[in-house]
Amino acid sequence: MRSIVITGASTGIGHATTKLLLARGFRVFGSVRRQADADRLEQEFGDAFTPLLFDVTDEAAVHAAAGEVRTALGGDALAGLVNNAGIAVSGAVIDLSADDFRRQFEVNVIGPIIATQAFAPLLGTDPTLRGPPGRIIMMSSIAGKFGNPLMAAYSASKHALNGLSDGLRREMMLFGIDVVIIAPGAVKTPIWAKAEQEDISRFANSPFYPALQKIRAMLPQMDESGLPPETIAQHVFDGLTSASPKAHDVITPGPLQFWLSTKLPPRWVDKIVARRLGLRPAK
């Protein structure tokens, strides 16, 4: 039985991917941050699922979990690592604190670095293990190709993750370990409910507050039109098992809209976005 580690397995894409991989005969080690989630997933998924209790920013805890997985595998290599855990910090660049940016990058960039370093030996940098080299899936976003206003911290983290992943993929060729970037558009996950619950009142005196309120009002529509997490899970499965997976797998519910946002002259996109959000000087 081939084994996969997935970070952020409790909900959304991580949960859907865990469910699909188990159905396809994989053994899954899934990270959660709360014991209650570990207990829930164990009951839901059964013996082929093993919870790993850690926060991706806690280096010692991640390395300890890698030790648990090594023991459980008994000398076999890991077939894959899915770096899925992530958060989205909203707010204008000039309104967010340095700590807000640090939190965004700690989870979305440093977290995958920590997990990759911890599990790399099991994926094949340790030549003593049995089995073929594994693969690394990086869960990015179309935001990694587009700078979203009032979500610049999140966009920056995904731009960074893409650059990290491309460099890592070229390094890991030494060991036969492939690195695949999955870049979804809007997905129907609890991230939208969490965003709706986020307290934006601290920005009430900001000139960007009206635009933030407009984005908040768009969230239900984004959730409704988003891709099912099961669709992303299938792309993760393909990235882990295909003979020739795409290096950058972009999945969006509106291909034309994505194409226009990335191919139109940046100044044109600026005007379109500014008009939609009211980000233009008062006359």
C-alpha atoms as a PDB file:
ATOM      1  CA  MET A   1       0.000   0.000   0.000  1.00  0.00           C
ATOM      2  CA  ARG A   2       1.470   3.371  -1.063  1.00  0.00           C
ATOM      3  CA  SER A   3       1.404   6.153   1.513  1.00  0.00           C
ATOM      4  CA  ILE A   4       0.767   9.902   1.241  1.00  0.00           C
ATOM      5  CA  VAL A   5       1.122  12.779   3.716  1.00  0.00           C
ATOM      6  CA  ILE A   6      -1.399  15.636   3.382  1.00  0.00           C
ATOM      7  CA  THR A   7      -1.209  18.835   5.430  1.00  0.00           C
ATOM      8  CA  GLY A   8      -4.473  20.532   6.353  1.00  0.00           C
ATOM      9  CA  ALA A   9      -6.647  17.426   6.041  1.00  0.00           C
ATOM     10  CA  SER A  10      -9.544  18.439   8.266  1.00  0.00           C
ATOM     11  CA  THR A  11     -11.690  20.359   5.748  1.00  0.00           C
ATOM     12  CA  GLY A  12     -11.952  21.546   2.147  1.00  0.00           C
ATOM     13  CA  ILE A  13      -9.402  20.400  -0.425  1.00  0.00           C
ATOM     14  CA  GLY A  14      -7.379  18.449   2.134  1.00  0.00           C
ATOM     15  CA  HIS A  15     -10.409  16.497   3.308  1.00  0.00           C
ATOM     16  CA  ALA A  16     -11.617  15.784  -0.242  1.00  0.00           C
ATOM     17  CA  THR A  17      -8.139  14.666  -1.302  1.00  0.00           C
ATOM     18  CA  THR A  18      -7.826  12.376   1.704  1.00  0.00           C
ATOM     19  CA  LYS A  19     -11.186  10.779   0.913  1.00  0.00           C
ATOM     20  CA  LEU A  20     -10.280  10.227  -2.756  1.00  0.00           C
ATOM     21  CA  LEU A  21      -6.832   8.797  -2.075  1.00  0.00           C
ATOM     22  CA  LEU A  22      -8.206   6.371   0.500  1.00  0.00           C
ATOM     23  CA  ALA A  23     -10.827   5.248  -2.015  1.00  0.00           C
ATOM     24  CA  ARG A  24      -8.028   4.633  -4.547  1.00  0.00           C
ATOM     25  CA  GLY A  25      -6.185   2.360  -2.151  1.00  0.00           C
ATOM     26  CA  PHE A  26      -3.622   4.711  -0.605  1.00  0.00           C
ATOM     27  CA  ARG A  27      -2.720   4.980   3.043  1.00  0.00           C
ATOM     28  CA  VAL A  28      -3.010   8.619   4.166  1.00  0.00           C
ATOM     29  CA  PHE A  29      -1.306  10.494   6.986  1.00  0.00           C
ATOM     30  CA  GLY A  30      -3.208  13.765   7.398  1.00  0.00           C
ATOM     31  CA  SER A  31      -2.197  16.735   9.510  1.00  0.00           C
ATOM     32  CA  VAL A  32      -4.682  18.525  11.763  1.00  0.00           C
ATOM     33  CA  ARG A  33      -4.195  21.129  14.462  1.00  0.00           C
ATOM     34  CA  ARG A  34      -6.828  19.936  16.930  1.00  0.00           C
ATOM     35  CA  GLN A  35      -7.302  16.588  18.651  1.00  0.00           C
ATOM     36  CA  ALA A  36     -11.044  16.829  18.030  1.00  0.00           C
ATOM     37  CA  ASP A  37     -10.402  16.871  14.276  1.00  0.00           C
ATOM     38  CA  ALA A  38      -8.012  13.935  14.579  1.00  0.00           C
ATOM     39  CA  ASP A  39     -10.674  11.921  16.396  1.00  0.00           C
ATOM     40  CA  ARG A  40     -13.370  12.886  13.872  1.00  0.00           C
ATOM     41  CA  LEU A  41     -11.291  11.932  10.835  1.00  0.00           C
ATOM     42  CA  GLU A  42     -10.145   8.639  12.386  1.00  0.00           C
ATOM     43  CA  GLN A  43     -13.777   7.709  12.936  1.00  0.00           C
ATOM     44  CA  GLU A  44     -14.782   8.820   9.433  1.00  0.00           C
ATOM     45  CA  PHE A  45     -11.931   7.274   7.447  1.00  0.00           C
ATOM     46  CA  GLY A  46     -10.948   4.172   9.401  1.00  0.00           C
ATOM     47  CA  ASP A  47      -7.680   2.297   9.740  1.00  0.00           C
ATOM     48  CA  ALA A  48      -6.070   3.443   6.473  1.00  0.00           C
ATOM     49  CA  PHE A  49      -6.000   7.020   7.800  1.00  0.00           C
ATOM     50  CA  THR A  50      -3.549   8.190  10.457  1.00  0.00           C
ATOM     51  CA  PRO A  51      -3.851  11.717  11.895  1.00  0.00           C
ATOM     52  CA  LEU A  52      -0.723  13.785  12.508  1.00  0.00           C
ATOM     53  CA  LEU A  53      -1.201  16.493  15.106  1.00  0.00           C
ATOM     54  CA  PHE A  54       0.821  19.596  14.205  1.00  0.00           C
ATOM     55  CA  ASP A  55       0.743  23.167  12.978  1.00  0.00           C
ATOM     56  CA  VAL A  56       2.803  23.543   9.787  1.00  0.00           C
ATOM     57  CA  THR A  57       4.678  26.485  11.312  1.00  0.00           C
ATOM     58  CA  ASP A  58       5.893  24.382  14.270  1.00  0.00           C
ATOM     59  CA  GLU A  59       9.174  22.959  12.959  1.00  0.00           C
ATOM     60  CA  ALA A  60       9.797  20.630  15.897  1.00  0.00           C
ATOM     61  CA  ALA A  61       6.271  19.180  15.718  1.00  0.00           C
ATOM     62  CA  VAL A  62       6.481  18.618  11.944  1.00  0.00           C
ATOM     63  CA  HIS A  63       9.823  16.813  12.250  1.00  0.00           C
ATOM     64  CA  ALA A  64       8.428  14.714  15.097  1.00  0.00           C
ATOM     65  CA  ALA A  65       5.486  13.752  12.862  1.00  0.00           C
ATOM     66  CA  ALA A  66       7.929  12.783  10.103  1.00  0.00           C
ATOM     67  CA  GLY A  67       9.550  10.454  12.629  1.00  0.00           C
ATOM     68  CA  GLU A  68       6.155   8.877  13.348  1.00  0.00           C
ATOM     69  CA  VAL A  69       5.571   8.318   9.640  1.00  0.00           C
ATOM     70  CA  ARG A  70       9.041   6.806   9.175  1.00  0.00           C
ATOM     71  CA  THR A  71       8.340   4.319  11.964  1.00  0.00           C
ATOM     72  CA  ALA A  72       4.926   3.453  10.515  1.00  0.00           C
ATOM     73  CA  LEU A  73       6.380   2.868   7.032  1.00  0.00           C
ATOM     74  CA  GLY A  74       8.969   0.434   8.372  1.00  0.00           C
ATOM     75  CA  GLY A  75      11.642   1.137   5.771  1.00  0.00           C
ATOM     76  CA  ASP A  76       9.372   1.932   2.811  1.00  0.00           C
ATOM     77  CA  ALA A  77       9.506   5.250   0.972  1.00  0.00           C
ATOM     78  CA  LEU A  78       6.667   7.770   1.018  1.00  0.00           C
ATOM     79  CA  ALA A  79       4.775   8.060  -2.279  1.00  0.00           C
ATOM     80  CA  GLY A  80       3.873  11.705  -1.890  1.00  0.00           C
ATOM     81  CA  LEU A  81       3.624  14.866   0.179  1.00  0.00           C
ATOM     82  CA  VAL A  82       0.702  17.239  -0.441  1.00  0.00           C
ATOM     83  CA  ASN A  83       1.481  20.691   0.956  1.00  0.00           C
ATOM     84  CA  ASN A  84      -2.115  21.853   1.208  1.00  0.00           C
ATOM     85  CA  ALA A  85      -2.457  23.794   4.487  1.00  0.00           C
ATOM     86  CA  GLY A  86      -2.893  27.520   3.982  1.00  0.00           C
ATOM     87  CA  ILE A  87      -4.623  30.698   5.130  1.00  0.00           C
ATOM     88  CA  ALA A  88      -5.752  33.937   3.477  1.00  0.00           C
ATOM     89  CA  VAL A  89      -5.052  37.293   5.132  1.00  0.00           C
ATOM     90  CA  SER A  90      -7.127  40.179   3.766  1.00  0.00           C
ATOM     91  CA  GLY A  91      -6.547  43.913   3.984  1.00  0.00           C
ATOM     92  CA  ALA A  92      -4.743  46.687   2.149  1.00  0.00           C
ATOM     93  CA  VAL A  93      -0.955  46.574   2.127  1.00  0.00           C
ATOM     94  CA  ILE A  94      -0.649  49.892   3.950  1.00  0.00           C
ATOM     95  CA  ASP A  95      -3.195  48.807   6.590  1.00  0.00           C
ATOM     96  CA  LEU A  96      -1.795  45.385   7.454  1.00  0.00           C
ATOM     97  CA  SER A  97       0.885  45.039  10.102  1.00  0.00           C
ATOM     98  CA  ALA A  98       4.229  43.388   9.508  1.00  0.00           C
ATOM     99  CA  ASP A  99       2.987  40.595  11.787  1.00  0.00           C
ATOM    100  CA  ASP A 100      -0.015  40.063   9.479  1.00  0.00           C
ATOM    101  CA  PHE A 101       2.389  39.534   6.586  1.00  0.00           C
ATOM    102  CA  ARG A 102       4.610  37.294   8.685  1.00  0.00           C
ATOM    103  CA  ARG A 103       1.630  35.106   9.621  1.00  0.00           C
ATOM    104  CA  GLN A 104       0.590  34.852   5.967  1.00  0.00           C
ATOM    105  CA  PHE A 105       4.061  33.812   4.842  1.00  0.00           C
ATOM    106  CA  GLU A 106       4.733  31.573   7.848  1.00  0.00           C
ATOM    107  CA  VAL A 107       1.756  29.371   6.984  1.00  0.00           C
ATOM    108  CA  ASN A 108       1.729  29.539   3.168  1.00  0.00           C
ATOM    109  CA  VAL A 109       5.472  29.573   2.403  1.00  0.00           C
ATOM    110  CA  ILE A 110       7.555  28.647   5.442  1.00  0.00           C
ATOM    111  CA  GLY A 111       5.096  25.866   6.328  1.00  0.00           C
ATOM    112  CA  PRO A 112       5.610  24.022   3.021  1.00  0.00           C
ATOM    113  CA  ILE A 113       9.376  24.517   3.382  1.00  0.00           C
ATOM    114  CA  ILE A 114       9.337  22.953   6.854  1.00  0.00           C
ATOM    115  CA  ALA A 115       7.166  20.030   5.716  1.00  0.00           C
ATOM    116  CA  THR A 116       9.260  19.444   2.597  1.00  0.00           C
ATOM    117  CA  GLN A 117      12.497  19.400   4.576  1.00  0.00           C
ATOM    118  CA  ALA A 118      11.002  17.078   7.200  1.00  0.00           C
ATOM    119  CA  PHE A 119       9.556  14.546   4.751  1.00  0.00           C
ATOM    120  CA  ALA A 120      12.179  14.766   1.958  1.00  0.00           C
ATOM    121  CA  PRO A 121      14.192  11.797   3.302  1.00  0.00           C
ATOM    122  CA  LEU A 122      11.063   9.619   3.206  1.00  0.00           C
ATOM    123  CA  LEU A 123      10.313  10.795  -0.342  1.00  0.00           C
ATOM    124  CA  GLY A 124      13.648   9.524  -1.573  1.00  0.00           C
ATOM    125  CA  THR A 125      16.575  11.674  -0.503  1.00  0.00           C
ATOM    126  CA  ASP A 126      17.363   8.823   1.906  1.00  0.00           C
ATOM    127  CA  PRO A 127      18.637   6.073  -0.443  1.00  0.00           C
ATOM    128  CA  THR A 128      18.239   3.342   2.174  1.00  0.00           C
ATOM    129  CA  LEU A 129      14.442   3.251   1.871  1.00  0.00           C
ATOM    130  CA  ARG A 130      12.558   0.767  -0.299  1.00  0.00           C
ATOM    131  CA  GLY A 131      10.466   1.895  -3.226  1.00  0.00           C
ATOM    132  CA  PRO A 132      10.495   4.545  -5.974  1.00  0.00           C
ATOM    133  CA  PRO A 133      10.906   8.268  -5.216  1.00  0.00           C
ATOM    134  CA  GLY A 134       7.767  10.121  -4.179  1.00  0.00           C
ATOM    135  CA  ARG A 135       6.272  13.372  -5.420  1.00  0.00           C
ATOM    136  CA  ILE A 136       5.545  16.730  -3.841  1.00  0.00           C
ATOM    137  CA  ILE A 137       2.288  18.562  -4.566  1.00  0.00           C
ATOM    138  CA  MET A 138       2.248  22.294  -3.798  1.00  0.00           C
ATOM    139  CA  MET A 139      -1.248  23.757  -3.402  1.00  0.00           C
ATOM    140  CA  SER A 140      -0.946  27.203  -4.922  1.00  0.00           C
ATOM    141  CA  SER A 141      -3.687  29.395  -6.467  1.00  0.00           C
ATOM    142  CA  ILE A 142      -4.429  31.445  -9.543  1.00  0.00           C
ATOM    143  CA  ALA A 143      -3.585  34.296  -7.167  1.00  0.00           C
ATOM    144  CA  GLY A 144       0.010  33.208  -7.760  1.00  0.00           C
ATOM    145  CA  LYS A 145      -0.324  34.723 -11.230  1.00  0.00           C
ATOM    146  CA  PHE A 146      -2.424  37.746 -10.323  1.00  0.00           C
ATOM    147  CA  GLY A 147      -2.045  40.480  -7.709  1.00  0.00           C
ATOM    148  CA  ASN A 148      -5.426  40.762  -6.022  1.00  0.00           C
ATOM    149  CA  PRO A 149      -6.117  44.129  -4.340  1.00  0.00           C
ATOM    150  CA  LEU A 150      -6.881  43.854  -0.633  1.00  0.00           C
ATOM    151  CA  MET A 151      -5.548  40.286  -0.837  1.00  0.00           C
ATOM    152  CA  ALA A 152      -1.991  41.257  -1.762  1.00  0.00           C
ATOM    153  CA  ALA A 153      -0.504  39.371   1.200  1.00  0.00           C
ATOM    154  CA  TYR A 154      -2.163  36.143   0.033  1.00  0.00           C
ATOM    155  CA  SER A 155      -1.222  36.751  -3.614  1.00  0.00           C
ATOM    156  CA  ALA A 156       2.372  37.459  -2.613  1.00  0.00           C
ATOM    157  CA  SER A 157       2.548  34.207  -0.643  1.00  0.00           C
ATOM    158  CA  LYS A 158       1.332  32.207  -3.637  1.00  0.00           C
ATOM    159  CA  HIS A 159       3.746  34.001  -5.994  1.00  0.00           C
ATOM    160  CA  ALA A 160       6.497  33.039  -3.552  1.00  0.00           C
ATOM    161  CA  LEU A 161       5.271  29.449  -3.358  1.00  0.00           C
ATOM    162  CA  ASN A 162       5.362  29.165  -7.159  1.00  0.00           C
ATOM    163  CA  GLY A 163       8.943  30.411  -7.333  1.00  0.00           C
ATOM    164  CA  LEU A 164       9.942  28.125  -4.482  1.00  0.00           C
ATOM    165  CA  SER A 165       8.302  25.137  -6.172  1.00  0.00           C
ATOM    166  CA  ASP A 166       9.948  25.696  -9.546  1.00  0.00           C
ATOM    167  CA  GLY A 167      13.369  25.951  -7.944  1.00  0.00           C
ATOM    168  CA  LEU A 168      12.694  22.934  -5.738  1.00  0.00           C
ATOM    169  CA  ARG A 169      11.534  20.838  -8.697  1.00  0.00           C
ATOM    170  CA  ARG A 170      14.801  21.477 -10.516  1.00  0.00           C
ATOM    171  CA  GLU A 171      16.815  20.639  -7.413  1.00  0.00           C
ATOM    172  CA  MET A 172      14.886  17.442  -6.706  1.00  0.00           C
ATOM    173  CA  MET A 173      15.641  16.078 -10.169  1.00  0.00           C
ATOM    174  CA  LEU A 174      18.839  14.833  -8.496  1.00  0.00           C
ATOM    175  CA  PHE A 175      16.718  12.325  -6.543  1.00  0.00           C
ATOM    176  CA  GLY A 176      13.968  11.675  -9.112  1.00  0.00           C
ATOM    177  CA  ILE A 177      11.434  13.506  -6.902  1.00  0.00           C
ATOM    178  CA  ASP A 178       8.957  15.541  -8.958  1.00  0.00           C
ATOM    179  CA  VAL A 179       7.270  18.753  -7.722  1.00  0.00           C
ATOM    180  CA  VAL A 180       3.832  19.654  -9.111  1.00  0.00           C
ATOM    181  CA  ILE A 181       2.043  22.979  -8.587  1.00  0.00           C
ATOM    182  CA  ILE A 182      -1.772  22.826  -8.380  1.00  0.00           C
ATOM    183  CA  ALA A 183      -3.284  26.296  -8.888  1.00  0.00           C
ATOM    184  CA  PRO A 184      -7.067  26.396  -8.414  1.00  0.00           C
ATOM    185  CA  GLY A 185      -9.377  29.339  -8.809  1.00  0.00           C
ATOM    186  CA  ALA A 186     -12.214  29.820  -6.328  1.00  0.00           C
ATOM    187  CA  VAL A 187     -13.119  26.555  -4.601  1.00  0.00           C
ATOM    188  CA  LYS A 188     -16.179  25.722  -2.509  1.00  0.00           C
ATOM    189  CA  THR A 189     -14.417  25.366   0.828  1.00  0.00           C
ATOM    190  CA  PRO A 190     -14.845  26.713   4.386  1.00  0.00           C
ATOM    191  CA  ILE A 191     -12.363  29.491   3.531  1.00  0.00           C
ATOM    192  CA  TRP A 192     -15.272  31.658   2.376  1.00  0.00           C
ATOM    193  CA  ALA A 193     -17.246  31.143   5.579  1.00  0.00           C
ATOM    194  CA  LYS A 194     -14.111  31.929   7.568  1.00  0.00           C
ATOM    195  CA  ALA A 195     -13.584  35.076   5.505  1.00  0.00           C
ATOM    196  CA  GLU A 196     -17.169  36.191   6.128  1.00  0.00           C
ATOM    197  CA  GLN A 197     -16.602  35.763   9.870  1.00  0.00           C
ATOM    198  CA  GLU A 198     -13.326  37.695   9.856  1.00  0.00           C
ATOM    199  CA  ASP A 199     -13.561  40.954  11.775  1.00  0.00           C
ATOM    200  CA  ILE A 200     -12.774  43.789   9.379  1.00  0.00           C
ATOM    201  CA  SER A 201     -13.914  46.492  11.808  1.00  0.00           C
ATOM    202  CA  ARG A 202     -10.266  47.285  12.575  1.00  0.00           C
ATOM    203  CA  PHE A 203     -10.178  48.792   9.073  1.00  0.00           C
ATOM    204  CA  ALA A 204     -13.289  50.930   9.627  1.00  0.00           C
ATOM    205  CA  ASN A 205     -11.277  54.161   9.445  1.00  0.00           C
ATOM    206  CA  SER A 206      -9.328  53.067   6.394  1.00  0.00           C
ATOM    207  CA  PRO A 207     -10.063  54.592   2.979  1.00  0.00           C
ATOM    208  CA  PHE A 208     -10.146  50.986   1.743  1.00  0.00           C
ATOM    209  CA  TYR A 209     -13.029  49.997   4.039  1.00  0.00           C
ATOM    210  CA  PRO A 210     -15.790  50.465   1.409  1.00  0.00           C
ATOM    211  CA  ALA A 211     -13.866  48.242  -1.023  1.00  0.00           C
ATOM    212  CA  LEU A 212     -13.394  45.612   1.687  1.00  0.00           C
ATOM    213  CA  GLN A 213     -17.149  45.650   2.276  1.00  0.00           C
ATOM    214  CA  LYS A 214     -17.746  45.117  -1.456  1.00  0.00           C
ATOM    215  CA  ILE A 215     -15.438  42.112  -1.432  1.00  0.00           C
ATOM    216  CA  ARG A 216     -17.236  40.756   1.637  1.00  0.00           C
ATOM    217  CA  ALA A 217     -20.546  41.049  -0.231  1.00  0.00           C
ATOM    218  CA  MET A 218     -19.087  39.040  -3.148  1.00  0.00           C
ATOM    219  CA  LEU A 219     -18.067  36.078  -0.988  1.00  0.00           C
ATOM    220  CA  PRO A 220     -21.358  34.120  -1.170  1.00  0.00           C
ATOM    221  CA  GLN A 221     -21.290  34.367  -4.970  1.00  0.00           C
ATOM    222  CA  MET A 222     -17.665  33.218  -5.065  1.00  0.00           C
ATOM    223  CA  ASP A 223     -18.602  30.236  -2.898  1.00  0.00           C
ATOM    224  CA  GLU A 224     -21.592  29.380  -5.076  1.00  0.00           C
ATOM    225  CA  SER A 225     -19.631  29.547  -8.341  1.00  0.00           C
ATOM    226  CA  GLY A 226     -16.486  27.911  -6.977  1.00  0.00           C
ATOM    227  CA  LEU A 227     -15.075  24.567  -8.011  1.00  0.00           C
ATOM    228  CA  PRO A 228     -16.005  21.526  -5.906  1.00  0.00           C
ATOM    229  CA  PRO A 229     -13.049  20.445  -3.717  1.00  0.00           C
ATOM    230  CA  GLU A 230     -13.468  16.970  -5.215  1.00  0.00           C
ATOM    231  CA  THR A 231     -12.382  18.408  -8.576  1.00  0.00           C
ATOM    232  CA  ILE A 232      -9.140  19.656  -7.059  1.00  0.00           C
ATOM    233  CA  ALA A 233      -8.676  16.319  -5.304  1.00  0.00           C
ATOM    234  CA  GLN A 234      -8.780  14.551  -8.675  1.00  0.00           C
ATOM    235  CA  HIS A 235      -6.055  16.872  -9.985  1.00  0.00           C
ATOM    236  CA  VAL A 236      -3.948  16.102  -6.902  1.00  0.00           C
ATOM    237  CA  PHE A 237      -4.419  12.379  -7.566  1.00  0.00           C
ATOM    238  CA  ASP A 238      -3.356  12.892 -11.178  1.00  0.00           C
ATOM    239  CA  GLY A 239      -0.320  14.876 -10.052  1.00  0.00           C
ATOM    240  CA  LEU A 240       0.699  12.037  -7.758  1.00  0.00           C
ATOM    241  CA  THR A 241       0.115   9.189 -10.199  1.00  0.00           C
ATOM    242  CA  SER A 242       0.293  10.409 -13.814  1.00  0.00           C
ATOM    243  CA  ALA A 243       3.291   9.290 -15.858  1.00  0.00           C
ATOM    244  CA  SER A 244       3.814  12.891 -17.055  1.00  0.00           C
ATOM    245  CA  PRO A 245       2.023  15.348 -14.750  1.00  0.00           C
ATOM    246  CA  LYS A 246       1.849  19.035 -15.581  1.00  0.00           C
ATOM    247  CA  ALA A 247       4.427  21.110 -13.728  1.00  0.00           C
ATOM    248  CA  HIS A 248       1.805  23.895 -13.349  1.00  0.00           C
ATOM    249  CA  ASP A 249      -1.780  22.619 -13.256  1.00  0.00           C
ATOM    250  CA  VAL A 250      -4.142  25.617 -13.351  1.00  0.00           C
ATOM    251  CA  ILE A 251      -7.802  24.876 -12.604  1.00  0.00           C
ATOM    252  CA  THR A 252     -10.352  27.681 -12.817  1.00  0.00           C
ATOM    253  CA  PRO A 253     -14.156  27.813 -13.192  1.00  0.00           C
ATOM    254  CA  GLY A 254     -13.746  30.766 -15.586  1.00  0.00           C
ATOM    255  CA  PRO A 255     -10.882  30.028 -18.012  1.00  0.00           C
ATOM    256  CA  LEU A 256     -11.634  33.082 -20.179  1.00  0.00           C
ATOM    257  CA  GLN A 257     -11.671  35.398 -17.167  1.00  0.00           C
ATOM    258  CA  PHE A 258      -8.344  33.991 -15.959  1.00  0.00           C
ATOM    259  CA  TRP A 259      -6.839  34.263 -19.430  1.00  0.00           C
ATOM    260  CA  LEU A 260      -7.932  37.892 -19.733  1.00  0.00           C
ATOM    261  CA  SER A 261      -6.645  38.810 -16.265  1.00  0.00           C
ATOM    262  CA  THR A 262      -3.195  37.388 -17.033  1.00  0.00           C
ATOM    263  CA  LYS A 263      -2.875  38.357 -20.719  1.00  0.00           C
ATOM    264  CA  LEU A 264      -4.401  41.829 -20.861  1.00  0.00           C
ATOM    265  CA  PRO A 265      -2.035  44.780 -20.360  1.00  0.00           C
ATOM    266  CA  PRO A 266      -1.671  45.315 -16.591  1.00  0.00           C
ATOM    267  CA  ARG A 267      -2.955  48.897 -16.806  1.00  0.00           C
ATOM    268  CA  TRP A 268      -6.181  47.667 -18.404  1.00  0.00           C
ATOM    269  CA  VAL A 269      -6.676  45.157 -15.607  1.00  0.00           C
ATOM    270  CA  ASP A 270      -5.962  47.916 -13.071  1.00  0.00           C
ATOM    271  CA  LYS A 271      -8.833  49.992 -14.454  1.00  0.00           C
ATOM    272  CA  ILE A 272     -11.271  47.074 -14.571  1.00  0.00           C
ATOM    273  CA  VAL A 273     -10.548  46.067 -10.967  1.00  0.00           C
ATOM    274  CA  ALA A 274     -10.560  49.663  -9.705  1.00  0.00           C
ATOM    275  CA  ARG A 275     -13.950  50.288 -11.314  1.00  0.00           C
ATOM    276  CA  ARG A 276     -15.416  47.155  -9.782  1.00  0.00           C
ATOM    277  CA  LEU A 277     -14.188  47.878  -6.282  1.00  0.00           C
ATOM    278  CA  GLY A 278     -14.393  51.650  -6.308  1.00  0.00           C
ATOM    279  CA  LEU A 279     -10.642  52.097  -6.002  1.00  0.00           C
ATOM    280  CA  ARG A 280     -10.482  55.396  -7.859  1.00  0.00           C
ATOM    281  CA  PRO A 281      -9.914  58.922  -6.523  1.00  0.00           C
ATOM    282  CA  ALA A 282     -13.048  60.921  -5.804  1.00  0.00           C
ATOM    283  CA  LYS A 283     -13.665  63.648  -8.364  1.00  0.00           C
END
